[in-house]
Amino acid sequence: MRSIFFYLLIFSSFLTSCQKHGVTTPYEYALLSAHVYDDKDRDELPDHLNPFLDFDEKNYKARLNIDLGEVIDMVDNEDWSALIPYVGAKTFARGGYFGRAYVNKKTNHLIIAHRGTDLNIKINELSLNQISIAIDDGKIWDMLKDMDDDYDIFHGKIPLQQFEAAQHFVKKVKESYVEKYKKEPQIIHTGHSLGAVLAELCAVKDNSKAITFESPGSKPLASQLVDIQDIDVEKVDITSYNAEPNQINTLHEHLGKVIPLYDESTLQSAHSDTEKVLSLKLHPIKELLKRFDEKDGEPKLP
């Protein structure tokens, strides 16, 4: 009897271990949402999380069926009111979307991380010489070219240009995975901020799963997809991890489950706009990574 109990105990421990290591943790999704930004000081990924495929924007630009308006040569045109569409076309013609797919070798999941708006460059803190260098490196344009999509989200509209590109990337990722592994992938989307919206919209459209961070909320955007196909937005498998309430993560109603990365009992019932703006410093994905326990991958207890 003792030997049977001993083997049952070992078997139970084995199952527990398999379950623990058979799930991608929230911290790992946050790592991938940070990694896709390609920051120089990004955290290294665990060995079992491997980049699989990047989005090739250069080859995709020609596919975009979006009217960017006439590009005006301002040297020969003194109508400076035309400067806005000129700058807009020049800035946004590059699209802005970037995604990267990762394979979790422990779970065989294919995780697609969608990049958000790059706000690492603070123009008001740069000297004129630094701004010139940033422009030459294309870093400022990398930030500005997302602004039209951010504007659409602010007004409750689907950022069509980036969403179309994201859908194209998802299709290519599936094809590449099937070609390499000879089986259909189980896809999970992740992303931060603008990337969170794209991840959630992709999950809704493809009836898949999304784990996101600092999402502005995508329910009014996802509801626009209902007219296109039969979608029950109340039953989507989406979990969003958010910092203290700010102007971004309270923008729209959220889909799925929202997990606060703070002690809700310590916050006042009402939040002023000033408090929300101040809490924007906690919005970057690097700040959210600090809210997770690296060992068990779960949010730290308040």
C-alpha atoms as a PDB file:
ATOM      1  CA  MET A   1       0.000   0.000   0.000  1.00  0.00           C
ATOM      2  CA  ARG A   2       2.818   2.375   0.853  1.00  0.00           C
ATOM      3  CA  SER A   3       4.516   1.732  -2.480  1.00  0.00           C
ATOM      4  CA  ILE A   4       1.288   2.516  -4.344  1.00  0.00           C
ATOM      5  CA  PHE A   5       0.898   5.750  -2.381  1.00  0.00           C
ATOM      6  CA  PHE A   6       4.545   6.611  -3.124  1.00  0.00           C
ATOM      7  CA  TYR A   7       4.078   6.140  -6.885  1.00  0.00           C
ATOM      8  CA  LEU A   8       0.831   8.099  -6.839  1.00  0.00           C
ATOM      9  CA  LEU A   9       2.643  10.945  -5.079  1.00  0.00           C
ATOM     10  CA  ILE A  10       5.416  10.931  -7.682  1.00  0.00           C
ATOM     11  CA  PHE A  11       2.876  10.843 -10.511  1.00  0.00           C
ATOM     12  CA  SER A  12       0.943  13.723  -8.979  1.00  0.00           C
ATOM     13  CA  SER A  13       4.122  15.785  -8.646  1.00  0.00           C
ATOM     14  CA  PHE A  14       4.983  15.006 -12.252  1.00  0.00           C
ATOM     15  CA  LEU A  15       1.570  16.197 -13.469  1.00  0.00           C
ATOM     16  CA  THR A  16       1.861  19.375 -11.412  1.00  0.00           C
ATOM     17  CA  SER A  17       5.296  20.047 -12.891  1.00  0.00           C
ATOM     18  CA  CYS A  18       4.010  19.482 -16.413  1.00  0.00           C
ATOM     19  CA  GLN A  19       1.105  21.837 -15.838  1.00  0.00           C
ATOM     20  CA  LYS A  20       3.388  24.516 -14.396  1.00  0.00           C
ATOM     21  CA  HIS A  21       5.807  24.365 -17.312  1.00  0.00           C
ATOM     22  CA  GLY A  22       3.079  23.820 -19.923  1.00  0.00           C
ATOM     23  CA  VAL A  23       1.665  27.333 -19.686  1.00  0.00           C
ATOM     24  CA  THR A  24       3.100  30.587 -20.974  1.00  0.00           C
ATOM     25  CA  THR A  25       3.037  32.909 -17.965  1.00  0.00           C
ATOM     26  CA  PRO A  26       1.685  36.487 -18.001  1.00  0.00           C
ATOM     27  CA  TYR A  27       5.238  37.707 -17.349  1.00  0.00           C
ATOM     28  CA  GLU A  28       6.448  35.910 -20.491  1.00  0.00           C
ATOM     29  CA  TYR A  29       3.708  37.525 -22.567  1.00  0.00           C
ATOM     30  CA  ALA A  30       4.811  40.883 -21.145  1.00  0.00           C
ATOM     31  CA  LEU A  31       8.404  40.067 -22.079  1.00  0.00           C
ATOM     32  CA  LEU A  32       7.363  39.380 -25.674  1.00  0.00           C
ATOM     33  CA  SER A  33       5.280  42.564 -25.781  1.00  0.00           C
ATOM     34  CA  ALA A  34       8.424  44.438 -24.704  1.00  0.00           C
ATOM     35  CA  HIS A  35      10.798  42.464 -26.938  1.00  0.00           C
ATOM     36  CA  VAL A  36       8.880  43.364 -30.110  1.00  0.00           C
ATOM     37  CA  TYR A  37       9.780  47.041 -29.557  1.00  0.00           C
ATOM     38  CA  ASP A  38      13.449  46.140 -30.220  1.00  0.00           C
ATOM     39  CA  ASP A  39      14.738  48.485 -27.527  1.00  0.00           C
ATOM     40  CA  LYS A  40      18.489  48.373 -26.961  1.00  0.00           C
ATOM     41  CA  ASP A  41      17.987  47.687 -23.254  1.00  0.00           C
ATOM     42  CA  ARG A  42      15.315  45.024 -23.703  1.00  0.00           C
ATOM     43  CA  ASP A  43      15.328  42.002 -21.425  1.00  0.00           C
ATOM     44  CA  GLU A  44      16.681  38.732 -22.795  1.00  0.00           C
ATOM     45  CA  LEU A  45      14.108  36.061 -23.527  1.00  0.00           C
ATOM     46  CA  PRO A  46      14.117  32.634 -21.839  1.00  0.00           C
ATOM     47  CA  ASP A  47      15.588  29.860 -23.995  1.00  0.00           C
ATOM     48  CA  HIS A  48      12.181  28.302 -24.690  1.00  0.00           C
ATOM     49  CA  LEU A  49      10.793  31.484 -26.300  1.00  0.00           C
ATOM     50  CA  ASN A  50      12.220  31.745 -29.806  1.00  0.00           C
ATOM     51  CA  PRO A  51      11.532  34.369 -32.500  1.00  0.00           C
ATOM     52  CA  PHE A  52       9.932  32.634 -35.485  1.00  0.00           C
ATOM     53  CA  LEU A  53       8.991  35.250 -38.085  1.00  0.00           C
ATOM     54  CA  ASP A  54       9.084  39.044 -38.470  1.00  0.00           C
ATOM     55  CA  PHE A  55       6.742  41.253 -40.434  1.00  0.00           C
ATOM     56  CA  ASP A  56       8.390  42.528 -43.606  1.00  0.00           C
ATOM     57  CA  GLU A  57       6.894  45.967 -44.066  1.00  0.00           C
ATOM     58  CA  LYS A  58       8.901  46.767 -47.212  1.00  0.00           C
ATOM     59  CA  ASN A  59       7.296  43.896 -49.114  1.00  0.00           C
ATOM     60  CA  TYR A  60       3.870  44.724 -47.761  1.00  0.00           C
ATOM     61  CA  LYS A  61       3.666  48.447 -48.486  1.00  0.00           C
ATOM     62  CA  ALA A  62       2.693  47.822 -52.091  1.00  0.00           C
ATOM     63  CA  ARG A  63      -0.309  45.789 -50.881  1.00  0.00           C
ATOM     64  CA  LEU A  64      -1.838  48.651 -48.900  1.00  0.00           C
ATOM     65  CA  ASN A  65      -4.962  49.873 -50.626  1.00  0.00           C
ATOM     66  CA  ILE A  66      -5.190  53.169 -48.791  1.00  0.00           C
ATOM     67  CA  ASP A  67      -5.479  56.624 -50.326  1.00  0.00           C
ATOM     68  CA  LEU A  68      -2.769  58.721 -48.716  1.00  0.00           C
ATOM     69  CA  GLY A  69      -3.581  61.785 -50.779  1.00  0.00           C
ATOM     70  CA  GLU A  70      -1.368  63.828 -53.070  1.00  0.00           C
ATOM     71  CA  VAL A  71       2.222  64.394 -52.013  1.00  0.00           C
ATOM     72  CA  ILE A  72       2.885  68.083 -52.610  1.00  0.00           C
ATOM     73  CA  ASP A  73       6.281  69.568 -53.379  1.00  0.00           C
ATOM     74  CA  MET A  74       6.420  72.415 -50.880  1.00  0.00           C
ATOM     75  CA  VAL A  75       9.454  73.967 -52.528  1.00  0.00           C
ATOM     76  CA  ASP A  76       7.366  75.078 -55.496  1.00  0.00           C
ATOM     77  CA  ASN A  77       4.108  75.595 -53.628  1.00  0.00           C
ATOM     78  CA  GLU A  78       3.559  78.589 -51.355  1.00  0.00           C
ATOM     79  CA  ASP A  79       0.156  77.408 -50.112  1.00  0.00           C
ATOM     80  CA  TRP A  80       1.276  76.399 -46.633  1.00  0.00           C
ATOM     81  CA  SER A  81      -2.197  75.125 -45.789  1.00  0.00           C
ATOM     82  CA  ALA A  82      -1.176  72.157 -47.924  1.00  0.00           C
ATOM     83  CA  LEU A  83       1.608  71.340 -45.489  1.00  0.00           C
ATOM     84  CA  ILE A  84      -0.607  69.128 -43.321  1.00  0.00           C
ATOM     85  CA  PRO A  85      -1.560  66.595 -46.023  1.00  0.00           C
ATOM     86  CA  TYR A  86       2.025  66.710 -47.282  1.00  0.00           C
ATOM     87  CA  VAL A  87       3.487  65.833 -43.896  1.00  0.00           C
ATOM     88  CA  GLY A  88       0.711  63.320 -43.324  1.00  0.00           C
ATOM     89  CA  ALA A  89       1.340  61.470 -46.559  1.00  0.00           C
ATOM     90  CA  LYS A  90       5.102  61.537 -46.062  1.00  0.00           C
ATOM     91  CA  THR A  91       4.895  60.373 -42.467  1.00  0.00           C
ATOM     92  CA  PHE A  92       2.222  57.717 -42.673  1.00  0.00           C
ATOM     93  CA  ALA A  93       3.019  56.219 -46.069  1.00  0.00           C
ATOM     94  CA  ARG A  94       5.357  53.754 -44.342  1.00  0.00           C
ATOM     95  CA  GLY A  95       2.456  52.078 -42.589  1.00  0.00           C
ATOM     96  CA  GLY A  96       3.825  51.729 -39.086  1.00  0.00           C
ATOM     97  CA  TYR A  97       2.850  48.154 -38.268  1.00  0.00           C
ATOM     98  CA  PHE A  98       5.421  45.723 -36.921  1.00  0.00           C
ATOM     99  CA  GLY A  99       4.844  42.262 -35.530  1.00  0.00           C
ATOM    100  CA  ARG A 100       6.949  39.290 -34.533  1.00  0.00           C
ATOM    101  CA  ALA A 101       5.920  35.675 -34.044  1.00  0.00           C
ATOM    102  CA  TYR A 102       7.511  33.499 -31.359  1.00  0.00           C
ATOM    103  CA  VAL A 103       7.393  29.770 -30.712  1.00  0.00           C
ATOM    104  CA  ASN A 104       7.159  28.547 -27.126  1.00  0.00           C
ATOM    105  CA  LYS A 105       9.026  25.249 -27.301  1.00  0.00           C
ATOM    106  CA  LYS A 106       7.462  24.065 -24.021  1.00  0.00           C
ATOM    107  CA  THR A 107       3.860  24.514 -25.115  1.00  0.00           C
ATOM    108  CA  ASN A 108       4.209  24.517 -28.926  1.00  0.00           C
ATOM    109  CA  HIS A 109       2.154  27.696 -28.970  1.00  0.00           C
ATOM    110  CA  LEU A 110       2.732  30.301 -31.642  1.00  0.00           C
ATOM    111  CA  ILE A 111       2.625  33.743 -30.004  1.00  0.00           C
ATOM    112  CA  ILE A 112       2.266  36.827 -32.190  1.00  0.00           C
ATOM    113  CA  ALA A 113       3.384  40.068 -30.530  1.00  0.00           C
ATOM    114  CA  HIS A 114       2.071  43.284 -32.081  1.00  0.00           C
ATOM    115  CA  ARG A 115       4.182  46.395 -31.516  1.00  0.00           C
ATOM    116  CA  GLY A 116       2.571  49.488 -29.987  1.00  0.00           C
ATOM    117  CA  THR A 117       3.406  53.154 -30.517  1.00  0.00           C
ATOM    118  CA  ASP A 118       7.043  53.876 -29.789  1.00  0.00           C
ATOM    119  CA  LEU A 119       7.043  56.723 -27.268  1.00  0.00           C
ATOM    120  CA  ASN A 120      10.649  56.319 -26.149  1.00  0.00           C
ATOM    121  CA  ILE A 121      11.649  59.517 -27.952  1.00  0.00           C
ATOM    122  CA  LYS A 122      10.537  62.645 -26.098  1.00  0.00           C
ATOM    123  CA  ILE A 123      11.006  65.444 -28.621  1.00  0.00           C
ATOM    124  CA  ASN A 124      10.669  68.184 -25.997  1.00  0.00           C
ATOM    125  CA  GLU A 125      13.694  66.756 -24.172  1.00  0.00           C
ATOM    126  CA  LEU A 126      15.999  66.664 -27.218  1.00  0.00           C
ATOM    127  CA  SER A 127      18.405  69.334 -28.381  1.00  0.00           C
ATOM    128  CA  LEU A 128      18.226  70.526 -32.004  1.00  0.00           C
ATOM    129  CA  ASN A 129      21.274  68.435 -32.843  1.00  0.00           C
ATOM    130  CA  GLN A 130      19.718  65.342 -31.245  1.00  0.00           C
ATOM    131  CA  ILE A 131      16.474  65.914 -33.137  1.00  0.00           C
ATOM    132  CA  SER A 132      18.444  66.096 -36.385  1.00  0.00           C
ATOM    133  CA  ILE A 133      20.155  62.806 -35.572  1.00  0.00           C
ATOM    134  CA  ALA A 134      16.835  61.182 -34.607  1.00  0.00           C
ATOM    135  CA  ILE A 135      15.282  62.284 -37.895  1.00  0.00           C
ATOM    136  CA  ASP A 136      18.205  60.911 -39.872  1.00  0.00           C
ATOM    137  CA  ASP A 137      17.922  57.589 -38.039  1.00  0.00           C
ATOM    138  CA  GLY A 138      14.213  57.436 -38.741  1.00  0.00           C
ATOM    139  CA  LYS A 139      13.382  57.121 -35.042  1.00  0.00           C
ATOM    140  CA  ILE A 140      11.029  60.094 -34.866  1.00  0.00           C
ATOM    141  CA  TRP A 141       9.164  58.899 -37.949  1.00  0.00           C
ATOM    142  CA  ASP A 142       8.774  55.482 -36.325  1.00  0.00           C
ATOM    143  CA  MET A 143       6.860  57.244 -33.574  1.00  0.00           C
ATOM    144  CA  LEU A 144       4.887  59.683 -35.730  1.00  0.00           C
ATOM    145  CA  LYS A 145       3.713  57.186 -38.318  1.00  0.00           C
ATOM    146  CA  ASP A 146       1.561  55.464 -35.678  1.00  0.00           C
ATOM    147  CA  MET A 147      -0.251  58.669 -34.739  1.00  0.00           C
ATOM    148  CA  ASP A 148      -3.007  58.354 -37.357  1.00  0.00           C
ATOM    149  CA  ASP A 149      -3.835  54.893 -36.010  1.00  0.00           C
ATOM    150  CA  ASP A 150      -3.776  56.195 -32.436  1.00  0.00           C
ATOM    151  CA  TYR A 151      -6.137  58.948 -33.576  1.00  0.00           C
ATOM    152  CA  ASP A 152      -8.549  56.368 -35.017  1.00  0.00           C
ATOM    153  CA  ILE A 153      -8.505  54.368 -31.778  1.00  0.00           C
ATOM    154  CA  PHE A 154      -9.126  57.528 -29.749  1.00  0.00           C
ATOM    155  CA  HIS A 155     -12.281  58.107 -31.801  1.00  0.00           C
ATOM    156  CA  GLY A 156     -13.425  54.505 -31.471  1.00  0.00           C
ATOM    157  CA  LYS A 157     -12.460  53.435 -34.979  1.00  0.00           C
ATOM    158  CA  ILE A 158     -10.497  50.396 -36.127  1.00  0.00           C
ATOM    159  CA  PRO A 159      -6.941  51.420 -37.165  1.00  0.00           C
ATOM    160  CA  LEU A 160      -7.514  49.915 -40.599  1.00  0.00           C
ATOM    161  CA  GLN A 161      -4.023  50.342 -42.012  1.00  0.00           C
ATOM    162  CA  GLN A 162      -2.286  48.523 -39.163  1.00  0.00           C
ATOM    163  CA  PHE A 163      -5.103  46.000 -38.677  1.00  0.00           C
ATOM    164  CA  GLU A 164      -4.941  45.029 -42.346  1.00  0.00           C
ATOM    165  CA  ALA A 165      -1.168  44.620 -42.075  1.00  0.00           C
ATOM    166  CA  ALA A 166      -1.547  42.586 -38.864  1.00  0.00           C
ATOM    167  CA  GLN A 167      -4.033  40.246 -40.546  1.00  0.00           C
ATOM    168  CA  HIS A 168      -1.656  39.814 -43.464  1.00  0.00           C
ATOM    169  CA  PHE A 169       1.143  38.932 -41.036  1.00  0.00           C
ATOM    170  CA  VAL A 170      -1.027  36.419 -39.154  1.00  0.00           C
ATOM    171  CA  LYS A 171      -1.805  34.693 -42.465  1.00  0.00           C
ATOM    172  CA  LYS A 172       1.893  34.494 -43.387  1.00  0.00           C
ATOM    173  CA  VAL A 173       2.810  33.197 -39.922  1.00  0.00           C
ATOM    174  CA  LYS A 174       0.256  30.393 -40.194  1.00  0.00           C
ATOM    175  CA  GLU A 175       1.520  29.411 -43.631  1.00  0.00           C
ATOM    176  CA  SER A 176       5.164  29.406 -42.518  1.00  0.00           C
ATOM    177  CA  TYR A 177       4.382  27.371 -39.383  1.00  0.00           C
ATOM    178  CA  VAL A 178       2.414  24.725 -41.305  1.00  0.00           C
ATOM    179  CA  GLU A 179       5.191  24.497 -43.897  1.00  0.00           C
ATOM    180  CA  LYS A 180       7.848  23.970 -41.212  1.00  0.00           C
ATOM    181  CA  TYR A 181       6.010  21.847 -38.635  1.00  0.00           C
ATOM    182  CA  LYS A 182       3.367  20.145 -40.844  1.00  0.00           C
ATOM    183  CA  LYS A 183       0.518  21.011 -38.473  1.00  0.00           C
ATOM    184  CA  GLU A 184      -1.833  23.871 -37.674  1.00  0.00           C
ATOM    185  CA  PRO A 185      -0.577  26.266 -34.971  1.00  0.00           C
ATOM    186  CA  GLN A 186      -2.394  27.339 -31.850  1.00  0.00           C
ATOM    187  CA  ILE A 187      -2.012  31.104 -32.037  1.00  0.00           C
ATOM    188  CA  ILE A 188      -2.100  33.481 -29.077  1.00  0.00           C
ATOM    189  CA  HIS A 189      -1.850  37.246 -29.589  1.00  0.00           C
ATOM    190  CA  THR A 190      -0.152  39.709 -27.293  1.00  0.00           C
ATOM    191  CA  GLY A 191       0.779  43.378 -27.338  1.00  0.00           C
ATOM    192  CA  HIS A 192       1.009  46.630 -25.428  1.00  0.00           C
ATOM    193  CA  SER A 193      -1.089  49.791 -25.911  1.00  0.00           C
ATOM    194  CA  LEU A 194      -1.758  50.155 -29.671  1.00  0.00           C
ATOM    195  CA  GLY A 195      -0.315  46.636 -29.975  1.00  0.00           C
ATOM    196  CA  ALA A 196      -2.877  45.467 -27.402  1.00  0.00           C
ATOM    197  CA  VAL A 197      -5.732  46.754 -29.559  1.00  0.00           C
ATOM    198  CA  LEU A 198      -4.338  44.962 -32.612  1.00  0.00           C
ATOM    199  CA  ALA A 199      -3.874  41.759 -30.597  1.00  0.00           C
ATOM    200  CA  GLU A 200      -7.447  41.903 -29.309  1.00  0.00           C
ATOM    201  CA  LEU A 201      -8.956  42.648 -32.715  1.00  0.00           C
ATOM    202  CA  CYS A 202      -6.980  39.784 -34.277  1.00  0.00           C
ATOM    203  CA  ALA A 203      -8.158  37.442 -31.508  1.00  0.00           C
ATOM    204  CA  VAL A 204     -11.782  38.482 -32.029  1.00  0.00           C
ATOM    205  CA  LYS A 205     -11.628  38.106 -35.787  1.00  0.00           C
ATOM    206  CA  ASP A 206      -9.849  34.735 -35.715  1.00  0.00           C
ATOM    207  CA  ASN A 207     -11.623  33.395 -32.613  1.00  0.00           C
ATOM    208  CA  SER A 208      -8.296  32.960 -30.845  1.00  0.00           C
ATOM    209  CA  LYS A 209      -6.783  34.132 -27.558  1.00  0.00           C
ATOM    210  CA  ALA A 210      -5.092  37.391 -26.503  1.00  0.00           C
ATOM    211  CA  ILE A 211      -3.063  38.421 -23.459  1.00  0.00           C
ATOM    212  CA  THR A 212      -2.513  42.182 -23.524  1.00  0.00           C
ATOM    213  CA  PHE A 213      -1.046  45.032 -21.501  1.00  0.00           C
ATOM    214  CA  GLU A 214      -2.262  48.595 -20.967  1.00  0.00           C
ATOM    215  CA  SER A 215      -5.003  48.208 -23.553  1.00  0.00           C
ATOM    216  CA  PRO A 216      -7.073  51.314 -24.346  1.00  0.00           C
ATOM    217  CA  GLY A 217     -10.091  48.981 -24.557  1.00  0.00           C
ATOM    218  CA  SER A 218     -11.334  47.584 -27.852  1.00  0.00           C
ATOM    219  CA  LYS A 219     -14.999  46.669 -27.326  1.00  0.00           C
ATOM    220  CA  PRO A 220     -16.431  49.505 -29.494  1.00  0.00           C
ATOM    221  CA  LEU A 221     -13.869  48.657 -32.179  1.00  0.00           C
ATOM    222  CA  ALA A 222     -14.543  44.918 -32.047  1.00  0.00           C
ATOM    223  CA  SER A 223     -18.275  45.540 -32.289  1.00  0.00           C
ATOM    224  CA  GLN A 224     -17.621  46.918 -35.776  1.00  0.00           C
ATOM    225  CA  LEU A 225     -16.393  43.462 -36.780  1.00  0.00           C
ATOM    226  CA  VAL A 226     -19.720  41.917 -35.787  1.00  0.00           C
ATOM    227  CA  ASP A 227     -21.301  43.336 -38.927  1.00  0.00           C
ATOM    228  CA  ILE A 228     -18.700  41.498 -40.980  1.00  0.00           C
ATOM    229  CA  GLN A 229     -18.929  38.073 -39.370  1.00  0.00           C
ATOM    230  CA  ASP A 230     -20.798  36.301 -36.585  1.00  0.00           C
ATOM    231  CA  ILE A 231     -18.847  37.246 -33.439  1.00  0.00           C
ATOM    232  CA  ASP A 232     -19.938  37.082 -29.816  1.00  0.00           C
ATOM    233  CA  VAL A 233     -17.807  39.786 -28.194  1.00  0.00           C
ATOM    234  CA  GLU A 234     -19.069  38.771 -24.754  1.00  0.00           C
ATOM    235  CA  LYS A 235     -17.351  35.367 -24.957  1.00  0.00           C
ATOM    236  CA  VAL A 236     -13.926  36.329 -26.279  1.00  0.00           C
ATOM    237  CA  ASP A 237     -10.820  34.851 -24.631  1.00  0.00           C
ATOM    238  CA  ILE A 238      -8.996  38.093 -23.831  1.00  0.00           C
ATOM    239  CA  THR A 239      -7.148  39.087 -20.663  1.00  0.00           C
ATOM    240  CA  SER A 240      -5.670  42.550 -20.223  1.00  0.00           C
ATOM    241  CA  TYR A 241      -3.238  43.568 -17.470  1.00  0.00           C
ATOM    242  CA  ASN A 242      -3.415  47.267 -16.633  1.00  0.00           C
ATOM    243  CA  ALA A 243      -1.577  49.699 -14.398  1.00  0.00           C
ATOM    244  CA  GLU A 244      -3.324  52.429 -12.414  1.00  0.00           C
ATOM    245  CA  PRO A 245      -6.173  54.160 -14.324  1.00  0.00           C
ATOM    246  CA  ASN A 246      -4.811  56.602 -16.892  1.00  0.00           C
ATOM    247  CA  GLN A 247      -5.924  58.380 -20.032  1.00  0.00           C
ATOM    248  CA  ILE A 248      -5.016  55.384 -22.175  1.00  0.00           C
ATOM    249  CA  ASN A 249      -6.226  52.297 -20.310  1.00  0.00           C
ATOM    250  CA  THR A 250      -9.600  53.920 -19.518  1.00  0.00           C
ATOM    251  CA  LEU A 251     -10.263  55.211 -23.037  1.00  0.00           C
ATOM    252  CA  HIS A 252     -12.876  52.602 -24.062  1.00  0.00           C
ATOM    253  CA  GLU A 253     -14.765  49.672 -22.589  1.00  0.00           C
ATOM    254  CA  HIS A 254     -12.651  46.535 -22.372  1.00  0.00           C
ATOM    255  CA  LEU A 255     -13.232  43.092 -23.799  1.00  0.00           C
ATOM    256  CA  GLY A 256     -12.828  39.956 -21.707  1.00  0.00           C
ATOM    257  CA  LYS A 257     -11.138  40.106 -18.322  1.00  0.00           C
ATOM    258  CA  VAL A 258      -9.108  43.009 -16.917  1.00  0.00           C
ATOM    259  CA  ILE A 259      -6.567  42.268 -14.183  1.00  0.00           C
ATOM    260  CA  PRO A 260      -5.286  45.315 -12.252  1.00  0.00           C
ATOM    261  CA  LEU A 261      -1.574  45.383 -11.469  1.00  0.00           C
ATOM    262  CA  TYR A 262      -2.133  47.526  -8.393  1.00  0.00           C
ATOM    263  CA  ASP A 263      -4.035  47.503  -5.134  1.00  0.00           C
ATOM    264  CA  GLU A 264      -7.500  48.771  -6.036  1.00  0.00           C
ATOM    265  CA  SER A 265      -8.389  49.377  -2.388  1.00  0.00           C
ATOM    266  CA  THR A 266      -5.738  52.098  -2.122  1.00  0.00           C
ATOM    267  CA  LEU A 267      -7.227  54.166  -4.933  1.00  0.00           C
ATOM    268  CA  GLN A 268      -9.914  56.750  -4.456  1.00  0.00           C
ATOM    269  CA  SER A 269     -13.267  56.043  -6.050  1.00  0.00           C
ATOM    270  CA  ALA A 270     -12.892  59.058  -8.314  1.00  0.00           C
ATOM    271  CA  HIS A 271      -9.836  59.919 -10.360  1.00  0.00           C
ATOM    272  CA  SER A 272      -9.127  63.400 -11.636  1.00  0.00           C
ATOM    273  CA  ASP A 273      -7.690  64.004 -15.093  1.00  0.00           C
ATOM    274  CA  THR A 274      -4.513  65.215 -13.413  1.00  0.00           C
ATOM    275  CA  GLU A 275      -4.117  61.935 -11.541  1.00  0.00           C
ATOM    276  CA  LYS A 276      -4.672  59.980 -14.753  1.00  0.00           C
ATOM    277  CA  VAL A 277      -2.079  62.003 -16.629  1.00  0.00           C
ATOM    278  CA  LEU A 278       0.435  61.531 -13.824  1.00  0.00           C
ATOM    279  CA  SER A 279      -0.128  57.774 -13.892  1.00  0.00           C
ATOM    280  CA  LEU A 280       0.824  57.693 -17.589  1.00  0.00           C
ATOM    281  CA  LYS A 281       4.421  57.309 -16.411  1.00  0.00           C
ATOM    282  CA  LEU A 282       3.395  53.752 -15.458  1.00  0.00           C
ATOM    283  CA  HIS A 283       2.032  53.037 -18.950  1.00  0.00           C
ATOM    284  CA  PRO A 284       5.255  51.851 -20.703  1.00  0.00           C
ATOM    285  CA  ILE A 285       5.651  48.077 -20.918  1.00  0.00           C
ATOM    286  CA  LYS A 286       9.015  48.311 -19.124  1.00  0.00           C
ATOM    287  CA  GLU A 287       7.186  49.650 -16.086  1.00  0.00           C
ATOM    288  CA  LEU A 288       4.614  46.864 -16.214  1.00  0.00           C
ATOM    289  CA  LEU A 289       7.325  44.194 -16.252  1.00  0.00           C
ATOM    290  CA  LYS A 290       8.243  45.312 -12.735  1.00  0.00           C
ATOM    291  CA  ARG A 291       4.763  44.329 -11.565  1.00  0.00           C
ATOM    292  CA  PHE A 292       5.364  40.612 -12.204  1.00  0.00           C
ATOM    293  CA  ASP A 293       7.255  37.964 -10.245  1.00  0.00           C
ATOM    294  CA  GLU A 294       9.887  36.617 -12.637  1.00  0.00           C
ATOM    295  CA  LYS A 295       9.963  33.192 -10.939  1.00  0.00           C
ATOM    296  CA  ASP A 296       6.307  32.201 -11.076  1.00  0.00           C
ATOM    297  CA  GLY A 297       5.373  34.655 -13.852  1.00  0.00           C
ATOM    298  CA  GLU A 298       2.312  35.972 -12.042  1.00  0.00           C
ATOM    299  CA  PRO A 299       1.519  39.537 -10.902  1.00  0.00           C
ATOM    300  CA  LYS A 300       3.117  40.470  -7.601  1.00  0.00           C
ATOM    301  CA  LEU A 301       0.758  40.747  -4.674  1.00  0.00           C
ATOM    302  CA  PRO A 302      -0.034  44.383  -3.796  1.00  0.00           C
END
